[in-house]
Amino acid sequence: MTENGSTSDTTADNQEDNDGGSAAALPPPSTPDEKIAALTAERDEMKDRMLRVAAEFENWKKRARKDQSDGEARVRESVLKDLLDIADNLERAVTAQTGGNGQVDASALFKGVNLVLRLFQQKLERYDVKPFEAKGQPFDPKVHEGISRVPSGDVPAGSVAGEFQKGYRIGDRLLRPAMVSVSTGPAGGGEEKKEKGQA
């Protein structure tokens, strides 16, 4: 009687332990339907994550484009405001330099335009835009745009003899190449060398 009772208690305890273990760790799906259901749930979860990531990335791109557009607009506004200052001064120079007889005072107009030019140069320096020297420098196609070749006794062949349009840099970058003429050396130098070669 006692032995049977002990055996029954032990069996009950073992069964309780087995039930507790099953509750703690669910067994993997065993049937094909259960496996399909588990894979479908995992697929749906991954799809949902990917959709959220894609939506967040699209929102980030929109914000980045807006920030870039706003930044470019602010830069344009700043530059255009400076140009408007120059335009205002040019208008004042043109309207103010007329004498009582309706004739333009050339000297006063020249001074007014010169003042506006200095103002414009100051505005350029504000944006780190500066001209660079070209005349007398060796011709460099990276910063010079050669439009003609001219003989020159003062400038060595292959160097810049004249400057038709200034070149500008913005910081260390080229903004506009200088439009120049390139020296071919003294006039007749080529013919003299040719005659010496023939002799």
N, C-alpha and C. Protein backbone atom coordinates (compact mmCIF):
# COMPACT_ATOMS: atom_id res chain seq x y z
N MET A 1 0.84 -1.20 0.00
CA MET A 1 0.00 0.00 0.00
C MET A 1 0.87 1.24 0.00
N THR A 2 1.84 1.23 0.87
CA THR A 2 2.73 2.39 0.95
C THR A 2 3.59 2.51 -0.28
N GLU A 3 4.05 1.34 -0.75
CA GLU A 3 4.91 1.38 -1.93
C GLU A 3 4.13 1.88 -3.14
N ASN A 4 2.89 1.39 -3.28
CA ASN A 4 2.09 1.83 -4.41
C ASN A 4 1.80 3.33 -4.33
N GLY A 5 1.53 3.78 -3.11
CA GLY A 5 1.28 5.22 -2.95
C GLY A 5 2.49 6.04 -3.32
N SER A 6 3.69 5.59 -2.93
CA SER A 6 4.92 6.33 -3.26
C SER A 6 5.14 6.34 -4.76
N THR A 7 4.86 5.19 -5.38
CA THR A 7 5.05 5.12 -6.84
C THR A 7 4.10 6.06 -7.55
N SER A 8 2.88 6.16 -7.07
CA SER A 8 1.90 7.06 -7.69
C SER A 8 2.33 8.51 -7.54
N ASP A 9 2.83 8.85 -6.32
CA ASP A 9 3.28 10.23 -6.10
C ASP A 9 4.44 10.59 -7.01
N THR A 10 5.38 9.67 -7.14
CA THR A 10 6.55 9.92 -8.00
C THR A 10 6.13 10.12 -9.45
N THR A 11 5.20 9.30 -9.89
CA THR A 11 4.71 9.41 -11.28
C THR A 11 4.03 10.76 -11.49
N ALA A 12 3.26 11.18 -10.52
CA ALA A 12 2.57 12.47 -10.62
C ALA A 12 3.56 13.61 -10.67
N ASP A 13 4.61 13.50 -9.80
CA ASP A 13 5.63 14.55 -9.80
C ASP A 13 6.33 14.64 -11.15
N ASN A 14 6.69 13.49 -11.71
CA ASN A 14 7.36 13.48 -13.02
C ASN A 14 6.48 14.10 -14.10
N GLN A 15 5.19 13.81 -14.02
CA GLN A 15 4.27 14.36 -15.01
C GLN A 15 4.17 15.87 -14.89
N GLU A 16 4.16 16.36 -13.63
CA GLU A 16 4.11 17.81 -13.42
C GLU A 16 5.37 18.47 -13.96
N ASP A 17 6.56 17.82 -13.72
CA ASP A 17 7.81 18.37 -14.23
C ASP A 17 7.78 18.45 -15.75
N ASN A 18 7.27 17.41 -16.38
CA ASN A 18 7.19 17.40 -17.85
C ASN A 18 6.27 18.50 -18.35
N ASP A 19 5.13 18.69 -17.67
CA ASP A 19 4.21 19.75 -18.08
C ASP A 19 4.84 21.12 -17.92
N GLY A 20 5.60 21.32 -16.83
CA GLY A 20 6.25 22.61 -16.61
C GLY A 20 7.29 22.89 -17.68
N GLY A 21 8.04 21.89 -18.09
CA GLY A 21 9.06 22.06 -19.13
C GLY A 21 8.43 22.40 -20.46
N SER A 22 7.28 21.80 -20.75
CA SER A 22 6.61 22.08 -22.02
C SER A 22 6.11 23.51 -22.05
N ALA A 23 5.65 24.00 -20.90
CA ALA A 23 5.15 25.38 -20.86
C ALA A 23 6.29 26.38 -21.00
N ALA A 24 7.47 26.02 -20.46
CA ALA A 24 8.60 26.96 -20.50
C ALA A 24 9.17 27.08 -21.90
N ALA A 25 9.28 25.99 -22.64
CA ALA A 25 9.86 26.03 -23.98
C ALA A 25 8.94 25.32 -24.93
N LEU A 26 8.27 26.11 -25.81
CA LEU A 26 7.35 25.50 -26.77
C LEU A 26 8.14 24.70 -27.79
N PRO A 27 7.67 23.51 -28.12
CA PRO A 27 8.38 22.70 -29.11
C PRO A 27 8.26 23.32 -30.48
N PRO A 28 9.24 23.12 -31.36
CA PRO A 28 9.16 23.65 -32.73
C PRO A 28 8.00 23.03 -33.47
N PRO A 29 7.47 23.74 -34.46
CA PRO A 29 6.34 23.19 -35.21
C PRO A 29 6.72 21.86 -35.84
N SER A 30 5.82 20.91 -35.73
CA SER A 30 6.14 19.56 -36.21
C SER A 30 5.40 19.22 -37.48
N THR A 31 4.22 19.79 -37.66
CA THR A 31 3.45 19.45 -38.85
C THR A 31 3.74 20.46 -39.96
N PRO A 32 3.55 20.08 -41.21
CA PRO A 32 3.78 21.02 -42.33
C PRO A 32 2.95 22.29 -42.21
N ASP A 33 1.72 22.19 -41.76
CA ASP A 33 0.87 23.38 -41.63
C ASP A 33 1.43 24.35 -40.60
N GLU A 34 1.92 23.79 -39.49
CA GLU A 34 2.51 24.65 -38.46
C GLU A 34 3.78 25.33 -38.97
N LYS A 35 4.59 24.60 -39.71
CA LYS A 35 5.81 25.20 -40.27
C LYS A 35 5.47 26.32 -41.25
N ILE A 36 4.47 26.07 -42.10
CA ILE A 36 4.06 27.11 -43.06
C ILE A 36 3.54 28.34 -42.33
N ALA A 37 2.76 28.11 -41.26
CA ALA A 37 2.22 29.24 -40.50
C ALA A 37 3.35 30.05 -39.85
N ALA A 38 4.37 29.35 -39.30
CA ALA A 38 5.50 30.03 -38.66
C ALA A 38 6.30 30.83 -39.68
N LEU A 39 6.56 30.24 -40.86
CA LEU A 39 7.30 30.95 -41.91
C LEU A 39 6.52 32.15 -42.44
N THR A 40 5.21 31.98 -42.55
CA THR A 40 4.38 33.09 -43.03
C THR A 40 4.42 34.26 -42.04
N ALA A 41 4.34 33.94 -40.74
CA ALA A 41 4.40 34.99 -39.72
C ALA A 41 5.76 35.70 -39.76
N GLU A 42 6.83 34.92 -39.92
CA GLU A 42 8.17 35.52 -39.98
C GLU A 42 8.31 36.39 -41.22
N ARG A 43 7.76 35.92 -42.35
CA ARG A 43 7.81 36.72 -43.57
C ARG A 43 7.06 38.03 -43.42
N ASP A 44 5.87 37.96 -42.83
CA ASP A 44 5.07 39.17 -42.65
C ASP A 44 5.78 40.17 -41.73
N GLU A 45 6.45 39.64 -40.70
CA GLU A 45 7.18 40.53 -39.78
C GLU A 45 8.34 41.22 -40.50
N MET A 46 9.10 40.46 -41.31
CA MET A 46 10.22 41.05 -42.05
C MET A 46 9.72 42.07 -43.08
N LYS A 47 8.59 41.75 -43.73
CA LYS A 47 8.02 42.70 -44.69
C LYS A 47 7.62 44.00 -44.02
N ASP A 48 7.04 43.88 -42.85
CA ASP A 48 6.62 45.06 -42.10
C ASP A 48 7.83 45.91 -41.71
N ARG A 49 8.89 45.26 -41.28
CA ARG A 49 10.11 45.99 -40.93
C ARG A 49 10.68 46.71 -42.14
N MET A 50 10.75 46.01 -43.27
CA MET A 50 11.30 46.61 -44.49
C MET A 50 10.47 47.80 -44.93
N LEU A 51 9.15 47.70 -44.82
CA LEU A 51 8.29 48.82 -45.19
C LEU A 51 8.53 50.02 -44.29
N ARG A 52 8.71 49.77 -43.00
CA ARG A 52 8.99 50.88 -42.07
C ARG A 52 10.33 51.53 -42.39
N VAL A 53 11.36 50.71 -42.66
CA VAL A 53 12.67 51.26 -43.00
C VAL A 53 12.60 52.06 -44.29
N ALA A 54 11.88 51.54 -45.30
CA ALA A 54 11.74 52.25 -46.57
C ALA A 54 11.03 53.59 -46.38
N ALA A 55 9.99 53.61 -45.53
CA ALA A 55 9.26 54.85 -45.28
C ALA A 55 10.14 55.87 -44.55
N GLU A 56 10.92 55.40 -43.59
CA GLU A 56 11.81 56.31 -42.86
C GLU A 56 12.87 56.87 -43.80
N PHE A 57 13.41 56.02 -44.70
CA PHE A 57 14.43 56.48 -45.64
C PHE A 57 13.85 57.51 -46.61
N GLU A 58 12.62 57.28 -47.06
CA GLU A 58 11.97 58.23 -47.97
C GLU A 58 11.75 59.57 -47.27
N ASN A 59 11.34 59.53 -46.02
CA ASN A 59 11.16 60.78 -45.26
C ASN A 59 12.49 61.51 -45.08
N TRP A 60 13.56 60.73 -44.84
CA TRP A 60 14.88 61.35 -44.68
C TRP A 60 15.31 62.02 -45.97
N LYS A 61 15.05 61.37 -47.13
CA LYS A 61 15.42 61.96 -48.41
C LYS A 61 14.66 63.26 -48.65
N LYS A 62 13.38 63.27 -48.29
CA LYS A 62 12.59 64.49 -48.46
C LYS A 62 13.14 65.62 -47.59
N ARG A 63 13.48 65.28 -46.34
CA ARG A 63 14.04 66.31 -45.45
C ARG A 63 15.38 66.82 -45.98
N ALA A 64 16.21 65.89 -46.48
CA ALA A 64 17.52 66.28 -47.00
C ALA A 64 17.38 67.20 -48.22
N ARG A 65 16.44 66.85 -49.12
CA ARG A 65 16.21 67.69 -50.30
C ARG A 65 15.72 69.07 -49.89
N LYS A 66 14.82 69.12 -48.91
CA LYS A 66 14.30 70.41 -48.46
C LYS A 66 15.40 71.24 -47.81
N ASP A 67 16.24 70.60 -46.98
CA ASP A 67 17.33 71.33 -46.34
C ASP A 67 18.30 71.87 -47.40
N GLN A 68 18.59 71.05 -48.41
CA GLN A 68 19.50 71.50 -49.47
C GLN A 68 18.89 72.66 -50.25
N SER A 69 17.60 72.52 -50.58
CA SER A 69 16.92 73.58 -51.32
C SER A 69 16.88 74.88 -50.51
N ASP A 70 16.59 74.77 -49.22
CA ASP A 70 16.55 75.96 -48.37
C ASP A 70 17.94 76.61 -48.27
N GLY A 71 18.98 75.78 -48.16
CA GLY A 71 20.34 76.32 -48.09
C GLY A 71 20.73 77.04 -49.36
N GLU A 72 20.40 76.44 -50.53
CA GLU A 72 20.71 77.09 -51.80
C GLU A 72 19.93 78.39 -51.95
N ALA A 73 18.68 78.40 -51.50
CA ALA A 73 17.87 79.63 -51.59
C ALA A 73 18.48 80.73 -50.73
N ARG A 74 18.96 80.38 -49.53
CA ARG A 74 19.57 81.39 -48.66
C ARG A 74 20.84 81.96 -49.30
N VAL A 75 21.64 81.10 -49.93
CA VAL A 75 22.86 81.58 -50.58
C VAL A 75 22.50 82.52 -51.74
N ARG A 76 21.52 82.12 -52.55
CA ARG A 76 21.11 82.97 -53.68
C ARG A 76 20.59 84.31 -53.18
N GLU A 77 19.79 84.27 -52.13
CA GLU A 77 19.25 85.53 -51.59
C GLU A 77 20.36 86.45 -51.12
N SER A 78 21.37 85.88 -50.47
CA SER A 78 22.47 86.69 -49.97
C SER A 78 23.24 87.34 -51.12
N VAL A 79 23.52 86.56 -52.17
CA VAL A 79 24.26 87.10 -53.32
C VAL A 79 23.43 88.15 -54.04
N LEU A 80 22.14 87.86 -54.24
CA LEU A 80 21.29 88.80 -54.98
C LEU A 80 21.09 90.11 -54.22
N LYS A 81 21.04 90.03 -52.90
CA LYS A 81 20.94 91.26 -52.12
C LYS A 81 22.16 92.15 -52.34
N ASP A 82 23.34 91.52 -52.39
CA ASP A 82 24.56 92.30 -52.65
C ASP A 82 24.52 92.90 -54.06
N LEU A 83 24.01 92.14 -55.04
CA LEU A 83 23.91 92.66 -56.40
C LEU A 83 22.91 93.81 -56.47
N LEU A 84 21.85 93.72 -55.68
CA LEU A 84 20.88 94.82 -55.66
C LEU A 84 21.51 96.09 -55.10
N ASP A 85 22.39 95.97 -54.12
CA ASP A 85 23.10 97.14 -53.59
C ASP A 85 23.91 97.81 -54.70
N ILE A 86 24.57 96.98 -55.51
CA ILE A 86 25.39 97.52 -56.60
C ILE A 86 24.50 98.18 -57.65
N ALA A 87 23.38 97.53 -57.99
CA ALA A 87 22.46 98.11 -58.96
C ALA A 87 21.92 99.46 -58.47
N ASP A 88 21.59 99.53 -57.18
CA ASP A 88 21.10 100.80 -56.62
C ASP A 88 22.14 101.89 -56.76
N ASN A 89 23.39 101.58 -56.47
CA ASN A 89 24.45 102.58 -56.57
C ASN A 89 24.69 103.00 -58.01
N LEU A 90 24.58 102.06 -58.96
CA LEU A 90 24.73 102.43 -60.37
C LEU A 90 23.61 103.37 -60.81
N GLU A 91 22.39 103.09 -60.37
CA GLU A 91 21.27 103.97 -60.71
C GLU A 91 21.48 105.37 -60.14
N ARG A 92 21.95 105.42 -58.89
CA ARG A 92 22.21 106.72 -58.28
C ARG A 92 23.32 107.46 -59.02
N ALA A 93 24.36 106.72 -59.44
CA ALA A 93 25.47 107.35 -60.16
C ALA A 93 25.00 107.92 -61.49
N VAL A 94 24.11 107.19 -62.17
CA VAL A 94 23.63 107.67 -63.48
C VAL A 94 22.71 108.87 -63.32
N THR A 95 21.80 108.83 -62.35
CA THR A 95 20.82 109.91 -62.21
C THR A 95 21.41 111.16 -61.55
N ALA A 96 22.44 110.99 -60.72
CA ALA A 96 22.96 112.13 -59.96
C ALA A 96 24.02 112.91 -60.72
N GLN A 97 24.60 112.32 -61.78
CA GLN A 97 25.71 112.99 -62.44
C GLN A 97 25.27 113.81 -63.65
N THR A 98 24.07 114.34 -63.61
CA THR A 98 23.56 115.20 -64.68
C THR A 98 23.52 116.64 -64.18
N GLY A 99 24.15 117.53 -64.95
CA GLY A 99 24.21 118.93 -64.55
C GLY A 99 22.86 119.62 -64.73
N GLY A 100 22.80 120.89 -64.34
CA GLY A 100 21.55 121.64 -64.45
C GLY A 100 21.13 121.84 -65.89
N ASN A 101 22.08 121.84 -66.83
CA ASN A 101 21.74 122.05 -68.23
C ASN A 101 21.39 120.74 -68.94
N GLY A 102 21.29 119.65 -68.19
CA GLY A 102 20.94 118.37 -68.79
C GLY A 102 22.13 117.61 -69.34
N GLN A 103 23.32 118.19 -69.25
CA GLN A 103 24.52 117.53 -69.74
C GLN A 103 25.11 116.64 -68.64
N VAL A 104 25.70 115.53 -69.06
CA VAL A 104 26.32 114.60 -68.11
C VAL A 104 27.69 115.11 -67.73
N ASP A 105 27.97 115.12 -66.45
CA ASP A 105 29.28 115.48 -65.94
C ASP A 105 30.16 114.22 -66.01
N ALA A 106 30.99 114.13 -67.04
CA ALA A 106 31.77 112.91 -67.28
C ALA A 106 32.71 112.60 -66.12
N SER A 107 33.33 113.64 -65.56
CA SER A 107 34.27 113.44 -64.47
C SER A 107 33.56 112.87 -63.23
N ALA A 108 32.43 113.48 -62.88
CA ALA A 108 31.68 113.02 -61.72
C ALA A 108 31.12 111.60 -61.96
N LEU A 109 30.69 111.32 -63.20
CA LEU A 109 30.16 110.01 -63.52
C LEU A 109 31.26 108.94 -63.39
N PHE A 110 32.46 109.32 -63.85
CA PHE A 110 33.58 108.38 -63.75
C PHE A 110 33.88 108.07 -62.28
N LYS A 111 33.87 109.10 -61.43
CA LYS A 111 34.12 108.88 -60.01
C LYS A 111 33.03 107.99 -59.40
N GLY A 112 31.78 108.25 -59.77
CA GLY A 112 30.68 107.45 -59.23
C GLY A 112 30.79 105.98 -59.64
N VAL A 113 31.10 105.74 -60.91
CA VAL A 113 31.24 104.36 -61.39
C VAL A 113 32.43 103.69 -60.72
N ASN A 114 33.50 104.45 -60.51
CA ASN A 114 34.68 103.89 -59.85
C ASN A 114 34.36 103.47 -58.41
N LEU A 115 33.54 104.27 -57.73
CA LEU A 115 33.12 103.92 -56.37
C LEU A 115 32.29 102.63 -56.38
N VAL A 116 31.40 102.52 -57.38
CA VAL A 116 30.58 101.31 -57.48
C VAL A 116 31.45 100.10 -57.78
N LEU A 117 32.47 100.28 -58.61
CA LEU A 117 33.39 99.17 -58.92
C LEU A 117 34.10 98.70 -57.67
N ARG A 118 34.56 99.64 -56.84
CA ARG A 118 35.22 99.25 -55.59
C ARG A 118 34.25 98.52 -54.66
N LEU A 119 32.99 98.98 -54.63
CA LEU A 119 31.98 98.30 -53.82
C LEU A 119 31.78 96.86 -54.32
N PHE A 120 31.74 96.72 -55.63
CA PHE A 120 31.55 95.39 -56.21
C PHE A 120 32.72 94.47 -55.87
N GLN A 121 33.93 95.01 -55.93
CA GLN A 121 35.11 94.21 -55.59
C GLN A 121 35.07 93.78 -54.12
N GLN A 122 34.58 94.67 -53.26
CA GLN A 122 34.44 94.31 -51.84
C GLN A 122 33.42 93.19 -51.66
N LYS A 123 32.34 93.25 -52.42
CA LYS A 123 31.31 92.19 -52.34
C LYS A 123 31.90 90.86 -52.79
N LEU A 124 32.72 90.88 -53.85
CA LEU A 124 33.34 89.65 -54.32
C LEU A 124 34.27 89.06 -53.27
N GLU A 125 35.06 89.93 -52.64
CA GLU A 125 35.97 89.45 -51.60
C GLU A 125 35.21 88.86 -50.41
N ARG A 126 34.04 89.36 -50.19
CA ARG A 126 33.20 88.82 -49.11
C ARG A 126 32.89 87.34 -49.35
N TYR A 127 32.77 86.96 -50.62
CA TYR A 127 32.51 85.56 -50.98
C TYR A 127 33.80 84.84 -51.37
N ASP A 128 34.93 85.42 -51.00
CA ASP A 128 36.25 84.82 -51.26
C ASP A 128 36.51 84.65 -52.76
N VAL A 129 35.96 85.57 -53.56
CA VAL A 129 36.19 85.59 -55.00
C VAL A 129 37.25 86.65 -55.29
N LYS A 130 38.39 86.22 -55.86
CA LYS A 130 39.49 87.14 -56.10
C LYS A 130 40.09 86.91 -57.48
N PRO A 131 40.51 88.00 -58.16
CA PRO A 131 41.18 87.82 -59.45
C PRO A 131 42.60 87.32 -59.24
N PHE A 132 43.15 86.68 -60.26
CA PHE A 132 44.54 86.25 -60.19
C PHE A 132 45.31 86.84 -61.37
N GLU A 133 46.60 87.04 -61.15
CA GLU A 133 47.46 87.66 -62.15
C GLU A 133 47.76 86.67 -63.27
N ALA A 134 47.65 87.14 -64.50
CA ALA A 134 47.91 86.27 -65.66
C ALA A 134 49.04 86.79 -66.54
N LYS A 135 49.11 88.09 -66.72
CA LYS A 135 50.10 88.65 -67.65
C LYS A 135 51.52 88.34 -67.20
N GLY A 136 52.32 87.83 -68.13
CA GLY A 136 53.71 87.50 -67.85
C GLY A 136 53.91 86.11 -67.29
N GLN A 137 52.80 85.44 -66.92
CA GLN A 137 52.90 84.09 -66.37
C GLN A 137 52.97 83.06 -67.51
N PRO A 138 53.64 81.93 -67.28
CA PRO A 138 53.62 80.87 -68.30
C PRO A 138 52.19 80.44 -68.59
N PHE A 139 51.89 80.23 -69.86
CA PHE A 139 50.53 79.85 -70.24
C PHE A 139 50.18 78.50 -69.64
N ASP A 140 49.04 78.46 -68.95
CA ASP A 140 48.55 77.23 -68.31
C ASP A 140 47.11 77.02 -68.74
N PRO A 141 46.84 76.00 -69.56
CA PRO A 141 45.46 75.80 -70.04
C PRO A 141 44.46 75.51 -68.93
N LYS A 142 44.95 75.19 -67.73
CA LYS A 142 44.03 74.94 -66.62
C LYS A 142 43.40 76.22 -66.10
N VAL A 143 44.12 77.35 -66.25
CA VAL A 143 43.61 78.61 -65.71
C VAL A 143 43.56 79.72 -66.76
N HIS A 144 44.12 79.46 -67.96
CA HIS A 144 44.14 80.46 -69.02
C HIS A 144 43.38 79.94 -70.24
N GLU A 145 42.66 80.85 -70.88
CA GLU A 145 42.00 80.53 -72.14
C GLU A 145 42.66 81.38 -73.23
N GLY A 146 43.52 80.75 -74.03
CA GLY A 146 44.22 81.48 -75.06
C GLY A 146 43.35 81.71 -76.28
N ILE A 147 43.26 82.97 -76.73
CA ILE A 147 42.43 83.29 -77.89
C ILE A 147 43.26 83.81 -79.06
N SER A 148 44.54 84.11 -78.81
CA SER A 148 45.39 84.56 -79.91
C SER A 148 46.86 84.38 -79.54
N ARG A 149 47.71 84.41 -80.58
CA ARG A 149 49.16 84.34 -80.39
C ARG A 149 49.75 85.60 -80.99
N VAL A 150 50.60 86.28 -80.23
CA VAL A 150 51.16 87.56 -80.68
C VAL A 150 52.66 87.57 -80.43
N PRO A 151 53.42 88.19 -81.34
CA PRO A 151 54.86 88.35 -81.09
C PRO A 151 55.09 89.38 -79.99
N SER A 152 56.10 89.16 -79.18
CA SER A 152 56.42 90.10 -78.10
C SER A 152 57.91 90.01 -77.77
N GLY A 153 58.53 91.18 -77.72
CA GLY A 153 59.94 91.22 -77.33
C GLY A 153 60.13 91.28 -75.83
N ASP A 154 59.05 91.58 -75.11
CA ASP A 154 59.15 91.72 -73.65
C ASP A 154 58.73 90.45 -72.90
N VAL A 155 57.91 89.63 -73.53
CA VAL A 155 57.37 88.44 -72.85
C VAL A 155 57.92 87.19 -73.52
N PRO A 156 58.49 86.26 -72.77
CA PRO A 156 59.04 85.04 -73.37
C PRO A 156 57.97 84.25 -74.12
N ALA A 157 58.39 83.51 -75.11
CA ALA A 157 57.46 82.67 -75.86
C ALA A 157 56.81 81.65 -74.92
N GLY A 158 55.51 81.47 -75.14
CA GLY A 158 54.78 80.52 -74.31
C GLY A 158 54.21 81.13 -73.04
N SER A 159 54.45 82.44 -72.84
CA SER A 159 53.90 83.12 -71.66
C SER A 159 52.77 84.05 -72.09
N VAL A 160 52.00 84.51 -71.12
CA VAL A 160 50.85 85.37 -71.41
C VAL A 160 51.34 86.78 -71.73
N ALA A 161 50.99 87.24 -72.95
CA ALA A 161 51.40 88.57 -73.37
C ALA A 161 50.37 89.63 -73.01
N GLY A 162 49.10 89.28 -73.06
CA GLY A 162 48.04 90.25 -72.76
C GLY A 162 46.84 89.56 -72.15
N GLU A 163 46.06 90.35 -71.42
CA GLU A 163 44.88 89.82 -70.74
C GLU A 163 43.66 90.59 -71.21
N PHE A 164 42.71 89.87 -71.82
CA PHE A 164 41.49 90.50 -72.31
C PHE A 164 40.37 90.44 -71.27
N GLN A 165 40.43 89.44 -70.42
CA GLN A 165 39.40 89.28 -69.39
C GLN A 165 40.03 88.62 -68.17
N LYS A 166 39.80 89.22 -67.02
CA LYS A 166 40.42 88.70 -65.79
C LYS A 166 39.91 87.29 -65.47
N GLY A 167 40.79 86.52 -64.86
CA GLY A 167 40.39 85.23 -64.32
C GLY A 167 40.13 85.37 -62.83
N TYR A 168 39.23 84.54 -62.32
CA TYR A 168 38.87 84.63 -60.90
C TYR A 168 38.90 83.24 -60.26
N ARG A 169 39.25 83.24 -58.98
CA ARG A 169 39.17 82.04 -58.16
C ARG A 169 38.20 82.29 -57.01
N ILE A 170 37.52 81.24 -56.60
CA ILE A 170 36.71 81.30 -55.39
C ILE A 170 37.35 80.34 -54.40
N GLY A 171 38.03 80.90 -53.43
CA GLY A 171 38.87 80.09 -52.55
C GLY A 171 40.03 79.53 -53.35
N ASP A 172 40.22 78.22 -53.34
CA ASP A 172 41.28 77.58 -54.12
C ASP A 172 40.77 77.05 -55.45
N ARG A 173 39.50 77.20 -55.73
CA ARG A 173 38.92 76.66 -56.96
C ARG A 173 38.83 77.74 -58.04
N LEU A 174 39.00 77.30 -59.30
CA LEU A 174 38.89 78.23 -60.41
C LEU A 174 37.43 78.55 -60.67
N LEU A 175 37.10 79.84 -60.68
CA LEU A 175 35.74 80.26 -60.98
C LEU A 175 35.60 80.58 -62.47
N ARG A 176 36.61 81.27 -63.03
CA ARG A 176 36.59 81.60 -64.45
C ARG A 176 38.02 81.74 -64.94
N PRO A 177 38.38 81.09 -66.06
CA PRO A 177 39.74 81.24 -66.57
C PRO A 177 39.97 82.64 -67.14
N ALA A 178 41.21 83.05 -67.16
CA ALA A 178 41.55 84.34 -67.75
C ALA A 178 41.61 84.18 -69.26
N MET A 179 41.05 85.17 -70.00
CA MET A 179 41.09 85.16 -71.45
C MET A 179 42.33 85.95 -71.88
N VAL A 180 43.28 85.27 -72.54
CA VAL A 180 44.59 85.87 -72.75
C VAL A 180 45.08 85.67 -74.18
N SER A 181 46.13 86.45 -74.51
CA SER A 181 46.92 86.21 -75.72
C SER A 181 48.26 85.65 -75.28
N VAL A 182 48.83 84.79 -76.12
CA VAL A 182 50.06 84.10 -75.76
C VAL A 182 51.20 84.59 -76.64
N SER A 183 52.33 84.86 -76.01
CA SER A 183 53.49 85.37 -76.73
C SER A 183 54.15 84.26 -77.57
N THR A 184 54.57 84.65 -78.79
CA THR A 184 55.35 83.74 -79.64
C THR A 184 56.83 84.14 -79.63
N GLY A 185 57.19 85.09 -78.75
CA GLY A 185 58.56 85.55 -78.70
C GLY A 185 58.75 86.79 -79.57
N PRO A 186 59.98 87.26 -79.70
CA PRO A 186 60.24 88.46 -80.51
C PRO A 186 59.80 88.27 -81.95
N ALA A 187 59.34 89.36 -82.57
CA ALA A 187 58.92 89.30 -83.98
C ALA A 187 60.11 88.93 -84.85
N GLY A 188 59.92 88.00 -85.76
CA GLY A 188 61.00 87.58 -86.65
C GLY A 188 61.94 86.58 -86.04
N GLY A 189 61.72 86.21 -84.78
CA GLY A 189 62.61 85.26 -84.13
C GLY A 189 62.59 83.91 -84.80
N GLY A 190 61.41 83.52 -85.25
CA GLY A 190 61.29 82.22 -85.90
C GLY A 190 62.02 82.20 -87.21
N GLU A 191 61.96 83.34 -87.99
CA GLU A 191 62.63 83.39 -89.27
C GLU A 191 64.14 83.36 -89.10
N GLU A 192 64.65 84.07 -88.06
CA GLU A 192 66.08 84.08 -87.82
C GLU A 192 66.59 82.67 -87.51
N LYS A 193 65.85 81.95 -86.66
CA LYS A 193 66.26 80.58 -86.32
C LYS A 193 66.24 79.71 -87.55
N LYS A 194 65.22 79.93 -88.43
CA LYS A 194 65.11 79.13 -89.62
C LYS A 194 66.30 79.39 -90.54
N GLU A 195 66.68 80.67 -90.68
CA GLU A 195 67.84 81.02 -91.54
C GLU A 195 69.11 80.43 -90.98
N LYS A 196 69.30 80.48 -89.64
CA LYS A 196 70.48 79.89 -89.05
C LYS A 196 70.53 78.39 -89.28
N GLY A 197 69.36 77.75 -89.24
CA GLY A 197 69.31 76.32 -89.45
C GLY A 197 69.68 75.97 -90.88
N GLN A 198 69.22 76.78 -91.85
CA GLN A 198 69.55 76.54 -93.25
C GLN A 198 71.03 76.77 -93.51
N ALA A 199 71.62 77.77 -92.82
CA ALA A 199 73.04 78.04 -93.02
C ALA A 199 73.86 76.90 -92.48
